[in-house]
């Protein structure tokens, strides 16, 4: 991503099917919203409540607990990523209602590190994988104990 080092996201917008970015060099990139469960299932108003990273290289939706990177707009290929997706990434994409920030606090794993597992940027080691698995199992038990 040599060329993209000096790039910054200048604008973000949506239509019914896609998310678009415009960079400071005039390049426009897009991806289908359906690739990102949290964005796809959110309202138009929720999608519009984003923050650009301080370096202009990321987009964050605090309310949705979603992050997209500028690099991802150049390298993300959903078919390839799904083939090589790590176990943690698969689970969090299967259950998008799990809030990554709160889960990371509960498991006592750095939120950025957990997000990198969920985004399939890093693969968790055995210790972290077991720790995450135990917390997911506990969450399941806690949910089964709910009486309404």
C-alpha atoms as a PDB file:
ATOM      1  CA  UNK A   1       0.000   0.000   0.000  1.00  0.00           C
ATOM      2  CA  UNK A   2       2.894   2.328  -0.764  1.00  0.00           C
ATOM      3  CA  UNK A   3       0.823   4.815  -2.765  1.00  0.00           C
ATOM      4  CA  UNK A   4      -1.919   4.940  -0.133  1.00  0.00           C
ATOM      5  CA  UNK A   5       0.403   6.147   2.690  1.00  0.00           C
ATOM      6  CA  UNK A   6      -0.389   9.783   1.980  1.00  0.00           C
ATOM      7  CA  UNK A   7      -4.050   9.128   1.209  1.00  0.00           C
ATOM      8  CA  UNK A   8      -6.750  10.319   3.533  1.00  0.00           C
ATOM      9  CA  UNK A   9     -10.476   9.722   3.489  1.00  0.00           C
ATOM     10  CA  UNK A  10     -12.135  13.024   2.692  1.00  0.00           C
ATOM     11  CA  UNK A  11     -15.756  11.986   2.289  1.00  0.00           C
ATOM     12  CA  UNK A  12     -18.000   9.007   3.094  1.00  0.00           C
ATOM     13  CA  UNK A  13     -21.475   8.460   1.654  1.00  0.00           C
ATOM     14  CA  UNK A  14     -23.990   5.713   0.974  1.00  0.00           C
ATOM     15  CA  UNK A  15     -26.715   4.652  -1.385  1.00  0.00           C
ATOM     16  CA  UNK A  16     -29.139   1.794  -0.691  1.00  0.00           C
ATOM     17  CA  UNK A  17     -26.577  -0.849  -1.619  1.00  0.00           C
ATOM     18  CA  UNK A  18     -23.058   0.563  -1.182  1.00  0.00           C
ATOM     19  CA  UNK A  19     -20.655   2.542   0.972  1.00  0.00           C
ATOM     20  CA  UNK A  20     -18.390   4.982  -0.878  1.00  0.00           C
ATOM     21  CA  UNK A  21     -15.286   6.914   0.060  1.00  0.00           C
ATOM     22  CA  UNK A  22     -13.485   9.756  -1.672  1.00  0.00           C
ATOM     23  CA  UNK A  23      -9.790  10.248  -0.929  1.00  0.00           C
ATOM     24  CA  UNK A  24      -7.724  13.411  -0.998  1.00  0.00           C
ATOM     25  CA  UNK A  25      -6.270  12.425  -4.398  1.00  0.00           C
ATOM     26  CA  UNK A  26      -9.761  12.259  -5.928  1.00  0.00           C
ATOM     27  CA  UNK A  27     -10.018   8.447  -5.962  1.00  0.00           C
ATOM     28  CA  UNK A  28     -13.446   6.994  -5.291  1.00  0.00           C
ATOM     29  CA  UNK A  29     -13.808   3.450  -3.895  1.00  0.00           C
ATOM     30  CA  UNK A  30     -16.857   1.483  -2.829  1.00  0.00           C
ATOM     31  CA  UNK A  31     -17.974  -1.825  -1.368  1.00  0.00           C
ATOM     32  CA  UNK A  32     -21.417  -3.405  -1.034  1.00  0.00           C
ATOM     33  CA  UNK A  33     -23.038  -2.660   2.334  1.00  0.00           C
ATOM     34  CA  UNK A  34     -24.150  -6.307   2.581  1.00  0.00           C
ATOM     35  CA  UNK A  35     -20.489  -7.226   3.169  1.00  0.00           C
ATOM     36  CA  UNK A  36     -20.686  -5.447   6.532  1.00  0.00           C
ATOM     37  CA  UNK A  37     -23.547  -6.831   8.630  1.00  0.00           C
ATOM     38  CA  UNK A  38     -23.654  -3.969  11.112  1.00  0.00           C
ATOM     39  CA  UNK A  39     -23.842  -1.325   8.382  1.00  0.00           C
ATOM     40  CA  UNK A  40     -26.288  -3.343   6.282  1.00  0.00           C
ATOM     41  CA  UNK A  41     -28.653  -3.807   9.247  1.00  0.00           C
ATOM     42  CA  UNK A  42     -28.403  -0.201  10.456  1.00  0.00           C
ATOM     43  CA  UNK A  43     -30.627   2.746   9.653  1.00  0.00           C
ATOM     44  CA  UNK A  44     -29.607   5.539   7.305  1.00  0.00           C
ATOM     45  CA  UNK A  45     -29.267   7.823  10.328  1.00  0.00           C
ATOM     46  CA  UNK A  46     -26.982   5.361  12.131  1.00  0.00           C
ATOM     47  CA  UNK A  47     -24.739   5.038   9.075  1.00  0.00           C
ATOM     48  CA  UNK A  48     -24.381   8.810   8.907  1.00  0.00           C
ATOM     49  CA  UNK A  49     -23.120   8.983  12.513  1.00  0.00           C
ATOM     50  CA  UNK A  50     -19.504   8.039  11.811  1.00  0.00           C
ATOM     51  CA  UNK A  51     -16.155   9.491  12.800  1.00  0.00           C
ATOM     52  CA  UNK A  52     -13.062   9.677  10.611  1.00  0.00           C
ATOM     53  CA  UNK A  53      -9.845   8.521  12.272  1.00  0.00           C
ATOM     54  CA  UNK A  54      -7.442  11.289  13.265  1.00  0.00           C
ATOM     55  CA  UNK A  55      -5.073  10.286  10.440  1.00  0.00           C
ATOM     56  CA  UNK A  56      -7.916  10.085   7.896  1.00  0.00           C
ATOM     57  CA  UNK A  57      -7.221   6.385   7.399  1.00  0.00           C
ATOM     58  CA  UNK A  58     -10.289   4.864   9.056  1.00  0.00           C
ATOM     59  CA  UNK A  59     -14.015   5.234   9.650  1.00  0.00           C
ATOM     60  CA  UNK A  60     -15.595   4.391  13.008  1.00  0.00           C
ATOM     61  CA  UNK A  61     -19.260   4.049  13.957  1.00  0.00           C
ATOM     62  CA  UNK A  62     -19.296   4.154  17.799  1.00  0.00           C
ATOM     63  CA  UNK A  63     -23.009   3.381  17.977  1.00  0.00           C
ATOM     64  CA  UNK A  64     -22.636   0.351  15.685  1.00  0.00           C
ATOM     65  CA  UNK A  65     -19.245  -0.795  17.016  1.00  0.00           C
ATOM     66  CA  UNK A  66     -17.981  -0.947  13.419  1.00  0.00           C
ATOM     67  CA  UNK A  67     -14.648   0.092  11.919  1.00  0.00           C
ATOM     68  CA  UNK A  68     -13.464   0.215   8.301  1.00  0.00           C
ATOM     69  CA  UNK A  69      -9.979   1.138   7.173  1.00  0.00           C
ATOM     70  CA  UNK A  70      -8.774   2.987   4.109  1.00  0.00           C
ATOM     71  CA  UNK A  71      -6.428   0.078   3.420  1.00  0.00           C
ATOM     72  CA  UNK A  72      -9.429  -2.245   3.433  1.00  0.00           C
ATOM     73  CA  UNK A  73     -11.031  -0.299   0.611  1.00  0.00           C
ATOM     74  CA  UNK A  74      -7.989  -1.138  -1.505  1.00  0.00           C
ATOM     75  CA  UNK A  75      -7.404  -4.724  -0.363  1.00  0.00           C
ATOM     76  CA  UNK A  76     -10.696  -6.152   0.922  1.00  0.00           C
ATOM     77  CA  UNK A  77     -12.065  -9.036  -1.126  1.00  0.00           C
ATOM     78  CA  UNK A  78     -14.920 -10.689   0.772  1.00  0.00           C
ATOM     79  CA  UNK A  79     -14.648 -14.040  -1.060  1.00  0.00           C
ATOM     80  CA  UNK A  80     -10.926 -14.391  -0.336  1.00  0.00           C
ATOM     81  CA  UNK A  81     -11.263 -13.249   3.262  1.00  0.00           C
ATOM     82  CA  UNK A  82     -14.133 -15.641   3.995  1.00  0.00           C
ATOM     83  CA  UNK A  83     -11.992 -18.550   2.748  1.00  0.00           C
ATOM     84  CA  UNK A  84      -9.164 -17.614   5.125  1.00  0.00           C
ATOM     85  CA  UNK A  85     -11.252 -16.256   7.999  1.00  0.00           C
ATOM     86  CA  UNK A  86     -10.050 -17.138  11.491  1.00  0.00           C
ATOM     87  CA  UNK A  87     -12.429 -18.727  13.998  1.00  0.00           C
ATOM     88  CA  UNK A  88     -12.945 -15.554  16.046  1.00  0.00           C
ATOM     89  CA  UNK A  89     -13.774 -13.565  12.917  1.00  0.00           C
ATOM     90  CA  UNK A  90     -16.271 -16.209  11.802  1.00  0.00           C
ATOM     91  CA  UNK A  91     -18.102 -16.183  15.153  1.00  0.00           C
ATOM     92  CA  UNK A  92     -18.376 -12.394  15.381  1.00  0.00           C
ATOM     93  CA  UNK A  93     -19.620 -12.166  11.797  1.00  0.00           C
ATOM     94  CA  UNK A  94     -22.142 -14.911  12.507  1.00  0.00           C
ATOM     95  CA  UNK A  95     -23.365 -13.009  15.599  1.00  0.00           C
ATOM     96  CA  UNK A  96     -23.067  -9.284  14.770  1.00  0.00           C
ATOM     97  CA  UNK A  97     -25.155  -8.374  17.839  1.00  0.00           C
ATOM     98  CA  UNK A  98     -22.122  -9.045  20.075  1.00  0.00           C
ATOM     99  CA  UNK A  99     -20.604  -5.684  20.918  1.00  0.00           C
ATOM    100  CA  UNK A 100     -16.847  -5.992  20.352  1.00  0.00           C
ATOM    101  CA  UNK A 101     -15.936  -3.176  22.743  1.00  0.00           C
ATOM    102  CA  UNK A 102     -17.928  -4.558  25.671  1.00  0.00           C
ATOM    103  CA  UNK A 103     -16.893  -8.126  24.951  1.00  0.00           C
ATOM    104  CA  UNK A 104     -13.219  -7.096  24.929  1.00  0.00           C
ATOM    105  CA  UNK A 105     -13.682  -5.438  28.324  1.00  0.00           C
ATOM    106  CA  UNK A 106     -15.322  -8.574  29.693  1.00  0.00           C
ATOM    107  CA  UNK A 107     -12.595 -10.861  28.357  1.00  0.00           C
ATOM    108  CA  UNK A 108      -9.871  -8.360  29.349  1.00  0.00           C
ATOM    109  CA  UNK A 109      -8.395  -8.276  25.845  1.00  0.00           C
ATOM    110  CA  UNK A 110      -7.388  -4.996  24.236  1.00  0.00           C
ATOM    111  CA  UNK A 111     -10.287  -3.775  22.079  1.00  0.00           C
ATOM    112  CA  UNK A 112      -7.995  -3.043  19.117  1.00  0.00           C
ATOM    113  CA  UNK A 113      -6.529  -6.519  19.314  1.00  0.00           C
ATOM    114  CA  UNK A 114      -9.963  -8.162  19.412  1.00  0.00           C
ATOM    115  CA  UNK A 115     -11.082  -5.959  16.517  1.00  0.00           C
ATOM    116  CA  UNK A 116      -8.044  -7.087  14.511  1.00  0.00           C
ATOM    117  CA  UNK A 117      -9.107 -10.707  15.115  1.00  0.00           C
ATOM    118  CA  UNK A 118     -12.691  -9.928  14.126  1.00  0.00           C
ATOM    119  CA  UNK A 119     -11.523  -8.070  10.990  1.00  0.00           C
ATOM    120  CA  UNK A 120      -9.277 -11.045  10.198  1.00  0.00           C
ATOM    121  CA  UNK A 121      -6.185  -8.825  10.206  1.00  0.00           C
ATOM    122  CA  UNK A 122      -4.553 -11.010  12.872  1.00  0.00           C
ATOM    123  CA  UNK A 123      -5.028 -14.573  14.010  1.00  0.00           C
ATOM    124  CA  UNK A 124      -5.408 -15.157  17.746  1.00  0.00           C
ATOM    125  CA  UNK A 125      -2.912 -17.320  19.560  1.00  0.00           C
ATOM    126  CA  UNK A 126      -4.023 -20.390  21.489  1.00  0.00           C
ATOM    127  CA  UNK A 127      -4.278 -18.532  24.821  1.00  0.00           C
ATOM    128  CA  UNK A 128      -6.435 -15.702  23.476  1.00  0.00           C
ATOM    129  CA  UNK A 129      -8.554 -18.091  21.414  1.00  0.00           C
ATOM    130  CA  UNK A 130      -9.302 -20.181  24.539  1.00  0.00           C
ATOM    131  CA  UNK A 131     -10.020 -17.034  26.559  1.00  0.00           C
ATOM    132  CA  UNK A 132     -12.469 -15.771  23.909  1.00  0.00           C
ATOM    133  CA  UNK A 133     -14.084 -19.184  23.571  1.00  0.00           C
ATOM    134  CA  UNK A 134     -14.608 -19.440  27.358  1.00  0.00           C
ATOM    135  CA  UNK A 135     -16.209 -15.983  27.433  1.00  0.00           C
ATOM    136  CA  UNK A 136     -18.510 -16.886  24.516  1.00  0.00           C
ATOM    137  CA  UNK A 137     -19.555 -20.081  26.302  1.00  0.00           C
ATOM    138  CA  UNK A 138     -20.239 -18.100  29.483  1.00  0.00           C
ATOM    139  CA  UNK A 139     -22.298 -15.600  27.492  1.00  0.00           C
ATOM    140  CA  UNK A 140     -24.331 -18.514  26.105  1.00  0.00           C
ATOM    141  CA  UNK A 141     -24.927 -19.887  29.619  1.00  0.00           C
ATOM    142  CA  UNK A 142     -25.928 -16.440  30.861  1.00  0.00           C
ATOM    143  CA  UNK A 143     -28.388 -16.065  27.998  1.00  0.00           C
ATOM    144  CA  UNK A 144     -29.875 -19.504  28.642  1.00  0.00           C
ATOM    145  CA  UNK A 145     -30.475 -18.513  32.274  1.00  0.00           C
ATOM    146  CA  UNK A 146     -32.569 -15.475  31.300  1.00  0.00           C
ATOM    147  CA  UNK A 147     -36.206 -15.735  32.376  1.00  0.00           C
ATOM    148  CA  UNK A 148     -38.728 -13.345  30.896  1.00  0.00           C
END
